[in-house]
Amino acid sequence: MIKINISIVGTGLMGLQHIKAIIKSPKANLHSIVDVSKNATNFSKKYKVPLYYSVSELLKSKNLDAVIVATPNQLHETHTVSFLKKKIPVLLEKPISDNIRSAKKIIDSAKKNKTPLLIGYHRRHNSIVSKVKNIINSGKLGNIVSANVLCWLYKHKEYYKEKWRISKGGGPLGINLVHDIDMICYLLGPIQYVQAFTTNKTRKFKVEDTATVSLIFKSGALCTLNISDTIVAPWSYELTAGENPAYPTTNQSAYMIGGTKGSLQFPNLKNWFYKKEKSWWNKILVKEDKNIKDDNTLINQINHFADVVTKKIKPKVNGNDGLISLKIFAAITKSSKTGKKIRI
């Protein structure tokens, strides 16, 4: 098997996870690293690959097939467009950008240069999520009525030494909830309205630390998203899915999806239903899948990226998917400031 050569631009939390995934992938090689940090120098030595200090320097290198851009959100447009102009496929870490105008420029560049652009919503590559999607599509839950997504976690002080994490777009809405927005849209379809409330009362940074979001889907289903990075709790996707070794698993669930025939909780996958008459007076049954942990999600994403680069398949999460999530995020931000319900 011919492996594609991928360079990592940015060696923060996700950049390092991508490096580890590439090392384990049967379809990719780590070509190089682009960063100016001390960590990047260490990673370069550890993985025995070239270290470049700028994108322009990387573009002069040889045998480069694709890149992963994992830099701060405000740099996404500059970095990504530089590669797309050279017809180098890009896996761009979420969110696609820090604003809609910039996101559209990235998408337009991909179209103009006929070069693949993937957005790093890696959860779609998790086998658990695929099972949930299949269960919903099969009709086992009936008509979806409502859903609840919980993302409670506690981020340590060291995390906030990076100044961009306490600036616009660096709060848990932009860093964490964008994943949940993409996932719930993937599972339940397009969103019609949002309404949100945020606070920074606990950390007192310029960005939010806690938020609640209400969603109305075009199907008529409702959903609540509740997020905070100041709560000591086991209920967030990262802590429940077991897909990223950086987070210890809690064997809990973060998502609950309810329908007229049954309900589903995951990543701790349990399907609740009645055998005969649907009544709260009758015993409710549960079917649990205990062998579903998928810790290969990021590797699955790299393998998928390789298949896109070699033109075997089309991107599972493309630029337009990233733009939709960003529009919803923008509506959430606007609603949190005005208190009004915002149409997508």
Foldseek 3Di string as FASTA:
>chain_A
DAAAEEEEEDCDPVSVVLQVLQVVFPRYDHAEYEDDDPVRVVVCVVRVHYYHDDLVVVVPDPRHQAYEYDDPQQCLLVNLLVCLVVQHEYAYEPQNHLDLVSLVSSVVSCVVSVHFYHYPLLVVLAVLLVVLLVCVVVCQQPQWAEKEFEAEAADDPVVCVPPVLLDRLNECLNPPCLSVLLSCCSRPNAWFKKAKAFDCVPVPGPDTFWMKMWTAGPSRHIYIYTHGNHDHDQAHCQQDQLQAPVHDHDVDFRMWIHGPAWIFTDPQTKIWGDPDDDDPVDDIDIDGDPPRRHNSSSSSVVVVVSCVSVVNDGHPGGSVSSSSSNVVSVNNVVNNVVVDMDTD
